[in-house]
């Protein structure tokens, strides 16, 4: 018999790659999480996790168990929700900043859909200021987006430094004008990097402007120029260019912004999951 409590610890370790983070998110002691994994391994007669001083990895047997464990936990949550009169249900219009389409977002949405099958999730992905306008027009219930430090709109879940990125920093910096790969207006990231270049009196030109992060990333990986992203969301294959090689950039905050008309139960459920996922960083 598979123990759901042990499976829950196993799935969290697989997700975070850390016993410490898993214990924090499950509100358990680290030794308890370790015991759950040991008992699960003994019960199955298979090693599920490889541990060393540097990393935590799933074995081949662990990878094989993971989708089944997630499915069993989802069935448990769905059964509980079926008999919970206060469980979230109905339409939920969610706006997500383009910056967040990678990292933990797919797992967050997968977990939320599995936990709350009665919720009709409708997702919009756009620039932060575009999402703010949509919410002001009554088109979105909750927005997960960026804001400048010091702004008051929304509840902050994470503060992140913006960094300059390029596939070949030396080649990019050797150009007479800094080639920029940017979102179009009204991008907050674009605004902050332009302000930094103005302060540093750095000559520049735009070589790529695109609404899609995947398009910007492709241009940066091709060596066209520099891209600015939150540090923990830096795409693979790009290297950070630190000050003073380029002007220092401001930090940004990622926030949850709730519409007044939104269903409280649905917002609370999603916000709780978002904080669990993003509270320690986007990629952990």
Protein backbone atom coordinates (compact mmCIF):
# COMPACT_ATOMS: atom_id res chain seq x y z
CA UNK A 1 0.00 0.00 0.00
CA UNK A 2 1.28 3.44 -0.94
CA UNK A 3 1.11 6.00 1.85
CA UNK A 4 -0.17 9.38 0.64
CA UNK A 5 1.75 11.27 3.32
CA UNK A 6 4.99 9.67 2.14
CA UNK A 7 4.07 10.35 -1.49
CA UNK A 8 3.43 14.01 -0.66
CA UNK A 9 6.95 14.36 0.76
CA UNK A 10 8.38 12.51 -2.24
CA UNK A 11 6.65 14.81 -4.74
CA UNK A 12 7.77 17.92 -2.86
CA UNK A 13 11.41 16.76 -2.81
CA UNK A 14 11.16 15.97 -6.53
CA UNK A 15 9.81 19.49 -7.12
CA UNK A 16 12.22 21.50 -4.96
CA UNK A 17 15.33 19.27 -5.24
CA UNK A 18 15.84 20.10 -1.55
CA UNK A 19 14.91 18.40 1.72
CA UNK A 20 15.18 21.73 3.53
CA UNK A 21 12.76 23.55 1.21
CA UNK A 22 10.42 20.55 1.19
CA UNK A 23 10.27 20.54 4.98
CA UNK A 24 9.52 24.28 5.05
CA UNK A 25 6.73 24.03 2.47
CA UNK A 26 5.17 20.98 4.11
CA UNK A 27 5.55 22.51 7.58
CA UNK A 28 7.47 19.43 8.74
CA UNK A 29 10.88 18.75 10.21
CA UNK A 30 13.60 17.87 7.74
CA UNK A 31 14.16 14.56 9.53
CA UNK A 32 10.46 13.73 9.08
CA UNK A 33 10.67 14.30 5.32
CA UNK A 34 13.75 12.07 5.19
CA UNK A 35 11.93 9.35 7.13
CA UNK A 36 8.98 9.52 4.73
CA UNK A 37 11.33 8.98 1.77
CA UNK A 38 13.17 6.14 3.51
CA UNK A 39 9.92 4.33 4.37
CA UNK A 40 8.59 4.79 0.85
CA UNK A 41 11.81 3.37 -0.60
CA UNK A 42 11.72 0.41 1.80
CA UNK A 43 8.08 -0.28 0.99
CA UNK A 44 8.75 -0.31 -2.75
CA UNK A 45 12.12 -1.98 -2.50
CA UNK A 46 13.57 0.66 -4.81
CA UNK A 47 15.90 3.64 -4.41
CA UNK A 48 13.97 6.75 -5.46
CA UNK A 49 16.34 9.61 -4.56
CA UNK A 50 20.08 10.07 -5.04
CA UNK A 51 21.47 12.36 -2.35
CA UNK A 52 24.90 13.93 -1.99
CA UNK A 53 26.33 17.13 -0.52
CA UNK A 54 25.66 19.08 -3.72
CA UNK A 55 22.35 17.92 -5.19
CA UNK A 56 19.20 15.86 -4.81
CA UNK A 57 18.15 13.89 -7.90
CA UNK A 58 15.49 11.35 -8.76
CA UNK A 59 16.68 7.93 -9.78
CA UNK A 60 15.15 6.23 -12.82
CA UNK A 61 12.73 4.49 -10.45
CA UNK A 62 11.89 7.84 -8.86
CA UNK A 63 11.17 9.39 -12.26
CA UNK A 64 8.88 6.43 -13.05
CA UNK A 65 6.98 6.83 -9.77
CA UNK A 66 6.57 10.62 -9.94
CA UNK A 67 3.62 10.88 -12.39
CA UNK A 68 1.73 8.15 -10.52
CA UNK A 69 2.37 9.88 -7.19
CA UNK A 70 1.09 13.19 -8.54
CA UNK A 71 -1.99 11.51 -9.92
CA UNK A 72 -2.79 9.79 -6.62
CA UNK A 73 -2.37 13.05 -4.67
CA UNK A 74 -4.54 14.89 -7.20
CA UNK A 75 -7.28 12.26 -6.79
CA UNK A 76 -7.11 12.70 -3.03
CA UNK A 77 -7.47 16.48 -3.33
CA UNK A 78 -10.34 16.15 -5.81
CA UNK A 79 -12.18 13.75 -3.48
CA UNK A 80 -11.84 16.16 -0.58
CA UNK A 81 -12.94 19.11 -2.73
CA UNK A 82 -16.03 17.21 -3.88
CA UNK A 83 -17.43 17.35 -0.35
CA UNK A 84 -16.22 20.84 0.53
CA UNK A 85 -19.03 23.34 0.04
CA UNK A 86 -16.54 26.22 0.27
CA UNK A 87 -14.16 24.83 -2.36
CA UNK A 88 -13.38 27.23 -5.25
CA UNK A 89 -15.51 26.80 -8.35
CA UNK A 90 -16.62 28.72 -11.42
CA UNK A 91 -14.64 30.97 -13.81
CA UNK A 92 -11.23 32.31 -12.77
CA UNK A 93 -9.60 34.87 -15.09
CA UNK A 94 -5.86 34.88 -14.41
CA UNK A 95 -3.26 37.21 -15.93
CA UNK A 96 0.43 36.24 -15.89
CA UNK A 97 3.40 38.42 -16.80
CA UNK A 98 5.32 37.25 -19.87
CA UNK A 99 8.44 36.93 -17.65
CA UNK A 100 6.87 34.06 -15.74
CA UNK A 101 5.97 31.71 -18.59
CA UNK A 102 9.00 29.56 -17.79
CA UNK A 103 10.30 28.28 -14.47
CA UNK A 104 7.65 27.20 -11.98
CA UNK A 105 4.55 28.44 -13.81
CA UNK A 106 3.61 25.19 -15.62
CA UNK A 107 3.87 23.23 -12.38
CA UNK A 108 1.84 25.85 -10.51
CA UNK A 109 -0.98 25.76 -13.07
CA UNK A 110 -0.91 21.95 -13.20
CA UNK A 111 -1.23 21.70 -9.42
CA UNK A 112 -4.02 24.27 -9.25
CA UNK A 113 -6.07 22.61 -12.00
CA UNK A 114 -5.62 19.21 -10.36
CA UNK A 115 -6.59 20.50 -6.91
CA UNK A 116 -9.62 22.52 -8.01
CA UNK A 117 -11.32 20.75 -10.93
CA UNK A 118 -14.48 22.82 -10.47
CA UNK A 119 -12.61 26.02 -11.33
CA UNK A 120 -12.74 27.14 -14.98
CA UNK A 121 -9.27 28.66 -15.40
CA UNK A 122 -8.91 31.26 -18.17
CA UNK A 123 -5.30 32.40 -18.69
CA UNK A 124 -3.96 35.59 -20.28
CA UNK A 125 -0.21 36.18 -20.77
CA UNK A 126 0.98 39.73 -21.50
CA UNK A 127 3.24 42.53 -20.30
CA UNK A 128 2.68 43.66 -16.72
CA UNK A 129 1.25 47.08 -17.62
CA UNK A 130 -1.03 45.53 -20.24
CA UNK A 131 -2.37 43.14 -17.60
CA UNK A 132 -2.94 46.06 -15.21
CA UNK A 133 -5.06 47.79 -17.86
CA UNK A 134 -7.07 44.61 -18.48
CA UNK A 135 -7.74 44.26 -14.77
CA UNK A 136 -8.79 47.92 -14.49
CA UNK A 137 -11.34 47.22 -17.25
CA UNK A 138 -12.77 44.30 -15.27
CA UNK A 139 -11.30 41.60 -17.53
CA UNK A 140 -9.10 39.79 -14.98
CA UNK A 141 -9.69 38.50 -11.45
CA UNK A 142 -6.04 38.10 -10.45
CA UNK A 143 -2.79 39.32 -11.98
CA UNK A 144 0.71 38.02 -11.26
CA UNK A 145 3.09 40.66 -12.58
CA UNK A 146 6.03 43.00 -11.89
CA UNK A 147 6.13 46.39 -10.23
CA UNK A 148 8.82 48.94 -9.42
CA UNK A 149 10.19 49.04 -5.91
CA UNK A 150 8.10 51.54 -3.97
CA UNK A 151 4.87 51.06 -5.91
CA UNK A 152 1.87 49.96 -3.87
CA UNK A 153 -0.29 48.01 -6.31
CA UNK A 154 -0.54 44.34 -5.30
CA UNK A 155 0.95 42.09 -2.62
CA UNK A 156 4.64 41.27 -3.14
CA UNK A 157 5.69 37.61 -3.23
CA UNK A 158 9.29 38.00 -4.41
CA UNK A 159 11.93 40.68 -5.00
CA UNK A 160 14.37 40.07 -7.83
CA UNK A 161 17.40 41.92 -9.29
CA UNK A 162 17.30 42.67 -13.00
CA UNK A 163 20.48 41.65 -14.84
CA UNK A 164 22.05 42.16 -18.27
CA UNK A 165 22.44 38.93 -20.26
CA UNK A 166 24.18 37.95 -23.49
CA UNK A 167 25.46 34.81 -25.18
CA UNK A 168 28.84 36.46 -25.81
CA UNK A 169 29.26 39.48 -23.50
CA UNK A 170 32.70 40.40 -24.82
CA UNK A 171 31.47 40.63 -28.41
CA UNK A 172 28.40 42.65 -27.46
CA UNK A 173 30.34 45.09 -25.30
CA UNK A 174 32.85 45.67 -28.10
CA UNK A 175 30.19 47.23 -30.34
CA UNK A 176 30.08 51.07 -30.56
CA UNK A 177 26.37 51.06 -29.63
CA UNK A 178 24.93 48.53 -27.18
CA UNK A 179 22.53 46.29 -29.14
CA UNK A 180 19.30 45.86 -27.17
CA UNK A 181 16.79 42.99 -27.23
CA UNK A 182 13.65 44.34 -25.56
CA UNK A 183 9.94 44.00 -25.03
CA UNK A 184 7.91 46.77 -26.72
CA UNK A 185 6.28 49.53 -24.66
CA UNK A 186 4.72 49.58 -22.09
CA UNK A 187 7.25 47.05 -20.72
CA UNK A 188 8.48 47.90 -17.21
CA UNK A 189 11.75 46.05 -17.85
CA UNK A 190 12.32 48.14 -20.98
CA UNK A 191 11.62 51.35 -19.05
CA UNK A 192 14.07 50.45 -16.27
CA UNK A 193 16.89 49.44 -18.61
CA UNK A 194 16.45 52.62 -20.66
CA UNK A 195 16.66 54.71 -17.48
CA UNK A 196 19.85 52.88 -16.47
CA UNK A 197 21.45 53.48 -19.87
CA UNK A 198 20.52 57.16 -19.70
CA UNK A 199 22.08 57.49 -16.26
CA UNK A 200 25.22 55.77 -17.51
CA UNK A 201 25.21 57.75 -20.78
CA UNK A 202 25.60 54.48 -22.67
CA UNK A 203 24.96 54.65 -26.43
CA UNK A 204 22.49 52.01 -27.61
CA UNK A 205 20.27 50.82 -30.44
CA UNK A 206 17.38 48.35 -30.54
CA UNK A 207 18.10 45.29 -32.68
CA UNK A 208 15.07 43.20 -31.64
CA UNK A 209 11.67 44.09 -30.17
CA UNK A 210 9.21 41.28 -29.50
CA UNK A 211 6.14 40.64 -27.31
CA UNK A 212 7.25 37.05 -26.68
CA UNK A 213 9.97 36.07 -24.21
CA UNK A 214 10.76 33.03 -26.35
CA UNK A 215 11.43 35.35 -29.31
CA UNK A 216 13.67 37.62 -27.25
CA UNK A 217 15.54 34.62 -25.86
CA UNK A 218 16.13 33.23 -29.36
CA UNK A 219 17.59 36.56 -30.47
CA UNK A 220 19.86 36.73 -27.42
CA UNK A 221 21.09 33.17 -27.87
CA UNK A 222 21.84 33.99 -31.51
CA UNK A 223 24.22 36.73 -30.31
CA UNK A 224 22.20 39.69 -31.55
CA UNK A 225 22.52 41.71 -28.35
CA UNK A 226 21.76 42.03 -24.64
CA UNK A 227 18.57 40.96 -22.87
CA UNK A 228 17.44 42.07 -19.41
CA UNK A 229 15.61 39.60 -17.17
CA UNK A 230 15.18 38.89 -13.45
CA UNK A 231 18.26 36.95 -12.38
CA UNK A 232 16.50 33.71 -11.38
CA UNK A 233 14.62 33.70 -14.70
CA UNK A 234 17.74 34.08 -16.83
CA UNK A 235 17.39 31.76 -19.86
CA UNK A 236 19.93 28.98 -20.26
CA UNK A 237 22.80 29.75 -22.61
CA UNK A 238 23.15 33.40 -21.58
CA UNK A 239 25.82 34.93 -19.34
CA UNK A 240 25.34 37.79 -16.89
CA UNK A 241 27.14 41.09 -17.53
CA UNK A 242 27.75 42.73 -14.13
CA UNK A 243 28.36 46.40 -13.29
CA UNK A 244 30.44 48.39 -14.03
CA UNK A 245 30.59 46.80 -17.50
CA UNK A 246 27.00 47.99 -17.90
CA UNK A 247 24.99 50.30 -15.63
CA UNK A 248 23.40 48.81 -12.52
CA UNK A 249 19.69 48.01 -12.83
CA UNK A 250 16.94 48.38 -10.25
CA UNK A 251 15.32 45.42 -8.53
CA UNK A 252 11.69 44.60 -9.28
CA UNK A 253 8.98 42.95 -7.23
CA UNK A 254 6.62 40.26 -8.45
CA UNK A 255 3.15 40.77 -7.02
CA UNK A 256 -0.35 39.36 -6.88
CA UNK A 257 -3.04 41.95 -7.66
CA UNK A 258 -6.63 41.03 -6.84
CA UNK A 259 -9.73 42.56 -8.39
CA UNK A 260 -12.37 43.67 -5.91
CA UNK A 261 -15.04 41.55 -7.60
CA UNK A 262 -12.97 38.34 -7.58
CA UNK A 263 -14.12 35.24 -5.70
CA UNK A 264 -12.30 35.20 -2.37
CA UNK A 265 -12.02 31.41 -2.08
CA UNK A 266 -10.48 31.04 -5.54
CA UNK A 267 -8.05 33.92 -5.03
CA UNK A 268 -6.96 32.54 -1.65
CA UNK A 269 -6.41 29.06 -3.08
CA UNK A 270 -4.32 30.27 -6.01
CA UNK A 271 -2.38 32.82 -3.93
CA UNK A 272 -1.46 30.15 -1.41
CA UNK A 273 -0.10 27.89 -4.15
CA UNK A 274 1.76 30.78 -5.80
CA UNK A 275 3.47 31.70 -2.54
CA UNK A 276 4.44 28.06 -1.97
CA UNK A 277 5.98 27.91 -5.44
CA UNK A 278 7.55 31.35 -5.75
CA UNK A 279 8.20 32.38 -2.15
CA UNK A 280 11.73 30.95 -2.25
CA UNK A 281 12.50 31.88 -5.85
CA UNK A 282 11.24 31.05 -9.31
CA UNK A 283 13.50 28.12 -10.05
CA UNK A 284 13.68 26.35 -6.70
